[in-house]
């Protein structure tokens, strides 16, 4: 009987050992699960931060593109305005030359010619003023009123 008791005793000891290993294994598994949950939460947070950063960067790129297009449109408008002013200047010069010819022919008095020169030197004959627009920019679709 002594053998049976020792055999039962060793079986019980083995059972306890397996149970304790299984309970330790369960603790290890639980610890691993907690670790992976924490890592997963950190990775989700990093993904969220990267997505927000990506949206911000995309917004800035769109804004820069919009501003660039706006600047190009403004440059184009100013170039057209420059051409209008140059044409206006040529027209005014020709009118002054015509007035000088008339003055030489005694058709215009010196006082009238001086008035035309004074107005021309102050850009008095700008299209916005002549058309009555009252704005700093002319409208390309409106015709310029030429004197003479």
C-alpha atoms as a PDB file:
ATOM      1  CA  UNK A   1       0.000   0.000   0.000  1.00  0.00           C
ATOM      2  CA  UNK A   2       2.858   2.242   0.517  1.00  0.00           C
ATOM      3  CA  UNK A   3       3.467   2.184  -3.213  1.00  0.00           C
ATOM      4  CA  UNK A   4      -0.114   3.191  -3.947  1.00  0.00           C
ATOM      5  CA  UNK A   5       0.065   6.109  -1.586  1.00  0.00           C
ATOM      6  CA  UNK A   6       3.269   7.382  -3.105  1.00  0.00           C
ATOM      7  CA  UNK A   7       1.849   6.920  -6.591  1.00  0.00           C
ATOM      8  CA  UNK A   8      -1.285   8.864  -5.624  1.00  0.00           C
ATOM      9  CA  UNK A   9       0.830  11.447  -3.914  1.00  0.00           C
ATOM     10  CA  UNK A  10       3.060  11.886  -7.030  1.00  0.00           C
ATOM     11  CA  UNK A  11      -0.052  12.101  -9.239  1.00  0.00           C
ATOM     12  CA  UNK A  12      -1.504  14.789  -6.979  1.00  0.00           C
ATOM     13  CA  UNK A  13       1.824  16.661  -7.010  1.00  0.00           C
ATOM     14  CA  UNK A  14       1.988  16.476 -10.800  1.00  0.00           C
ATOM     15  CA  UNK A  15      -1.596  17.712 -11.007  1.00  0.00           C
ATOM     16  CA  UNK A  16      -0.818  20.659  -8.723  1.00  0.00           C
ATOM     17  CA  UNK A  17       2.283  21.428 -10.758  1.00  0.00           C
ATOM     18  CA  UNK A  18       0.339  21.382 -14.023  1.00  0.00           C
ATOM     19  CA  UNK A  19      -2.399  23.510 -12.495  1.00  0.00           C
ATOM     20  CA  UNK A  20       0.120  26.008 -11.175  1.00  0.00           C
ATOM     21  CA  UNK A  21       1.853  26.103 -14.594  1.00  0.00           C
ATOM     22  CA  UNK A  22      -1.502  26.609 -16.268  1.00  0.00           C
ATOM     23  CA  UNK A  23      -2.393  29.391 -13.854  1.00  0.00           C
ATOM     24  CA  UNK A  24       1.033  30.987 -14.472  1.00  0.00           C
ATOM     25  CA  UNK A  25       0.493  30.524 -18.175  1.00  0.00           C
ATOM     26  CA  UNK A  26      -2.873  32.253 -17.821  1.00  0.00           C
ATOM     27  CA  UNK A  27      -1.201  35.156 -16.017  1.00  0.00           C
ATOM     28  CA  UNK A  28       1.443  35.376 -18.749  1.00  0.00           C
ATOM     29  CA  UNK A  29      -1.268  35.269 -21.408  1.00  0.00           C
ATOM     30  CA  UNK A  30      -3.197  37.999 -19.597  1.00  0.00           C
ATOM     31  CA  UNK A  31      -0.064  40.127 -19.283  1.00  0.00           C
ATOM     32  CA  UNK A  32       0.639  39.631 -22.998  1.00  0.00           C
ATOM     33  CA  UNK A  33      -2.941  40.570 -23.857  1.00  0.00           C
ATOM     34  CA  UNK A  34      -2.681  43.752 -21.783  1.00  0.00           C
ATOM     35  CA  UNK A  35       0.630  44.635 -23.443  1.00  0.00           C
ATOM     36  CA  UNK A  36      -0.810  44.149 -26.925  1.00  0.00           C
ATOM     37  CA  UNK A  37      -3.886  46.179 -26.027  1.00  0.00           C
ATOM     38  CA  UNK A  38      -1.651  49.042 -24.872  1.00  0.00           C
ATOM     39  CA  UNK A  39       0.457  48.778 -28.011  1.00  0.00           C
ATOM     40  CA  UNK A  40      -2.690  48.741 -30.134  1.00  0.00           C
ATOM     41  CA  UNK A  41      -3.985  51.882 -28.382  1.00  0.00           C
ATOM     42  CA  UNK A  42      -0.637  53.634 -28.944  1.00  0.00           C
ATOM     43  CA  UNK A  43      -0.632  52.679 -32.625  1.00  0.00           C
ATOM     44  CA  UNK A  44      -4.242  53.891 -33.051  1.00  0.00           C
ATOM     45  CA  UNK A  45      -3.237  57.204 -31.475  1.00  0.00           C
ATOM     46  CA  UNK A  46      -0.234  57.518 -33.812  1.00  0.00           C
ATOM     47  CA  UNK A  47      -2.433  56.734 -36.823  1.00  0.00           C
ATOM     48  CA  UNK A  48      -4.906  59.426 -35.723  1.00  0.00           C
ATOM     49  CA  UNK A  49      -2.087  61.962 -35.312  1.00  0.00           C
ATOM     50  CA  UNK A  50      -0.686  61.106 -38.770  1.00  0.00           C
ATOM     51  CA  UNK A  51      -4.131  61.430 -40.364  1.00  0.00           C
ATOM     52  CA  UNK A  52      -4.631  64.837 -38.725  1.00  0.00           C
ATOM     53  CA  UNK A  53      -1.178  65.931 -39.854  1.00  0.00           C
ATOM     54  CA  UNK A  54      -1.924  64.706 -43.373  1.00  0.00           C
ATOM     55  CA  UNK A  55      -5.212  66.657 -43.458  1.00  0.00           C
ATOM     56  CA  UNK A  56      -3.428  69.790 -42.207  1.00  0.00           C
ATOM     57  CA  UNK A  57      -0.668  69.431 -44.816  1.00  0.00           C
ATOM     58  CA  UNK A  58      -3.232  68.843 -47.561  1.00  0.00           C
ATOM     59  CA  UNK A  59      -5.155  71.958 -46.456  1.00  0.00           C
ATOM     60  CA  UNK A  60      -1.981  74.051 -46.535  1.00  0.00           C
ATOM     61  CA  UNK A  61      -1.150  72.758 -50.031  1.00  0.00           C
ATOM     62  CA  UNK A  62      -4.644  73.653 -51.235  1.00  0.00           C
ATOM     63  CA  UNK A  63      -4.344  77.106 -49.685  1.00  0.00           C
ATOM     64  CA  UNK A  64      -0.948  77.687 -51.325  1.00  0.00           C
ATOM     65  CA  UNK A  65      -2.340  76.553 -54.682  1.00  0.00           C
ATOM     66  CA  UNK A  66      -5.323  78.908 -54.290  1.00  0.00           C
ATOM     67  CA  UNK A  67      -3.071  81.839 -53.337  1.00  0.00           C
ATOM     68  CA  UNK A  68      -0.766  81.084 -56.247  1.00  0.00           C
ATOM     69  CA  UNK A  69      -3.707  81.141 -58.669  1.00  0.00           C
ATOM     70  CA  UNK A  70      -4.930  84.363 -57.092  1.00  0.00           C
ATOM     71  CA  UNK A  71      -1.514  85.987 -57.532  1.00  0.00           C
ATOM     72  CA  UNK A  72      -1.316  84.825 -61.150  1.00  0.00           C
ATOM     73  CA  UNK A  73      -4.754  86.302 -61.836  1.00  0.00           C
ATOM     74  CA  UNK A  74      -3.725  89.577 -60.207  1.00  0.00           C
ATOM     75  CA  UNK A  75      -0.511  89.691 -62.273  1.00  0.00           C
ATOM     76  CA  UNK A  76      -2.486  89.051 -65.455  1.00  0.00           C
ATOM     77  CA  UNK A  77      -4.961  91.806 -64.546  1.00  0.00           C
ATOM     78  CA  UNK A  78      -2.142  94.258 -63.788  1.00  0.00           C
ATOM     79  CA  UNK A  79      -0.399  93.431 -67.074  1.00  0.00           C
ATOM     80  CA  UNK A  80      -3.618  94.160 -68.962  1.00  0.00           C
ATOM     81  CA  UNK A  81      -4.016  97.367 -66.977  1.00  0.00           C
ATOM     82  CA  UNK A  82      -0.448  98.356 -67.867  1.00  0.00           C
ATOM     83  CA  UNK A  83      -1.210  97.889 -71.574  1.00  0.00           C
ATOM     84  CA  UNK A  84      -4.377  99.991 -71.203  1.00  0.00           C
ATOM     85  CA  UNK A  85      -2.414 102.770 -69.531  1.00  0.00           C
ATOM     86  CA  UNK A  86       0.306 102.654 -72.165  1.00  0.00           C
ATOM     87  CA  UNK A  87      -2.332 102.911 -74.914  1.00  0.00           C
ATOM     88  CA  UNK A  88      -3.966 105.770 -73.062  1.00  0.00           C
ATOM     89  CA  UNK A  89      -0.604 107.503 -72.748  1.00  0.00           C
ATOM     90  CA  UNK A  90       0.008 107.165 -76.492  1.00  0.00           C
ATOM     91  CA  UNK A  91      -3.447 108.574 -77.161  1.00  0.00           C
ATOM     92  CA  UNK A  92      -2.840 111.519 -74.845  1.00  0.00           C
ATOM     93  CA  UNK A  93       0.538 112.241 -76.441  1.00  0.00           C
ATOM     94  CA  UNK A  94      -1.050 112.261 -79.872  1.00  0.00           C
ATOM     95  CA  UNK A  95      -3.752 114.628 -78.628  1.00  0.00           C
ATOM     96  CA  UNK A  96      -1.097 116.933 -77.172  1.00  0.00           C
ATOM     97  CA  UNK A  97       0.816 116.868 -80.455  1.00  0.00           C
ATOM     98  CA  UNK A  98      -2.414 117.632 -82.301  1.00  0.00           C
ATOM     99  CA  UNK A  99      -3.138 120.527 -79.926  1.00  0.00           C
ATOM    100  CA  UNK A 100       0.369 121.869 -80.472  1.00  0.00           C
ATOM    101  CA  UNK A 101      -0.174 121.748 -84.229  1.00  0.00           C
ATOM    102  CA  UNK A 102      -3.451 123.602 -83.796  1.00  0.00           C
ATOM    103  CA  UNK A 103      -1.708 126.145 -81.581  1.00  0.00           C
ATOM    104  CA  UNK A 104       0.872 126.719 -84.249  1.00  0.00           C
ATOM    105  CA  UNK A 105      -1.969 127.298 -86.639  1.00  0.00           C
ATOM    106  CA  UNK A 106      -3.392 129.759 -84.063  1.00  0.00           C
ATOM    107  CA  UNK A 107      -6.510 127.658 -83.605  1.00  0.00           C
ATOM    108  CA  UNK A 108      -5.927 127.082 -79.897  1.00  0.00           C
ATOM    109  CA  UNK A 109      -4.738 129.651 -77.379  1.00  0.00           C
ATOM    110  CA  UNK A 110      -1.721 129.000 -75.198  1.00  0.00           C
ATOM    111  CA  UNK A 111      -3.886 128.934 -72.097  1.00  0.00           C
ATOM    112  CA  UNK A 112      -6.029 126.042 -73.446  1.00  0.00           C
ATOM    113  CA  UNK A 113      -2.919 124.085 -74.417  1.00  0.00           C
ATOM    114  CA  UNK A 114      -1.432 124.567 -70.955  1.00  0.00           C
ATOM    115  CA  UNK A 115      -4.668 123.268 -69.420  1.00  0.00           C
ATOM    116  CA  UNK A 116      -4.492 120.116 -71.568  1.00  0.00           C
ATOM    117  CA  UNK A 117      -0.830 119.606 -70.600  1.00  0.00           C
ATOM    118  CA  UNK A 118      -1.668 120.014 -66.915  1.00  0.00           C
ATOM    119  CA  UNK A 119      -4.524 117.520 -67.097  1.00  0.00           C
ATOM    120  CA  UNK A 120      -2.453 115.006 -69.038  1.00  0.00           C
ATOM    121  CA  UNK A 121       0.438 115.225 -66.576  1.00  0.00           C
ATOM    122  CA  UNK A 122      -1.929 114.372 -63.702  1.00  0.00           C
ATOM    123  CA  UNK A 123      -3.449 111.408 -65.588  1.00  0.00           C
ATOM    124  CA  UNK A 124      -6.722 113.285 -65.540  1.00  0.00           C
ATOM    125  CA  UNK A 125      -7.927 111.441 -68.612  1.00  0.00           C
ATOM    126  CA  UNK A 126      -7.921 108.001 -66.916  1.00  0.00           C
ATOM    127  CA  UNK A 127     -10.724 105.731 -68.184  1.00  0.00           C
ATOM    128  CA  UNK A 128     -12.214 105.292 -64.711  1.00  0.00           C
ATOM    129  CA  UNK A 129     -12.622 109.042 -64.321  1.00  0.00           C
ATOM    130  CA  UNK A 130     -13.860 109.634 -67.853  1.00  0.00           C
ATOM    131  CA  UNK A 131     -16.373 106.787 -67.634  1.00  0.00           C
ATOM    132  CA  UNK A 132     -17.559 107.931 -64.239  1.00  0.00           C
ATOM    133  CA  UNK A 133     -16.659 104.614 -62.581  1.00  0.00           C
ATOM    134  CA  UNK A 134     -14.887 106.236 -59.664  1.00  0.00           C
ATOM    135  CA  UNK A 135     -12.833 103.085 -58.989  1.00  0.00           C
ATOM    136  CA  UNK A 136      -9.098 102.598 -59.109  1.00  0.00           C
ATOM    137  CA  UNK A 137      -9.377  99.868 -61.754  1.00  0.00           C
ATOM    138  CA  UNK A 138     -10.956 100.099 -65.152  1.00  0.00           C
ATOM    139  CA  UNK A 139     -13.154  97.429 -66.614  1.00  0.00           C
ATOM    140  CA  UNK A 140     -11.726  95.877 -69.793  1.00  0.00           C
ATOM    141  CA  UNK A 141     -15.193  95.318 -71.252  1.00  0.00           C
ATOM    142  CA  UNK A 142     -15.997  99.046 -71.183  1.00  0.00           C
ATOM    143  CA  UNK A 143     -14.818 101.279 -74.005  1.00  0.00           C
ATOM    144  CA  UNK A 144     -12.393 104.097 -73.316  1.00  0.00           C
ATOM    145  CA  UNK A 145     -13.673 107.550 -74.131  1.00  0.00           C
ATOM    146  CA  UNK A 146     -11.161 109.297 -76.373  1.00  0.00           C
ATOM    147  CA  UNK A 147     -11.238 113.054 -76.566  1.00  0.00           C
ATOM    148  CA  UNK A 148     -10.849 114.812 -79.859  1.00  0.00           C
END
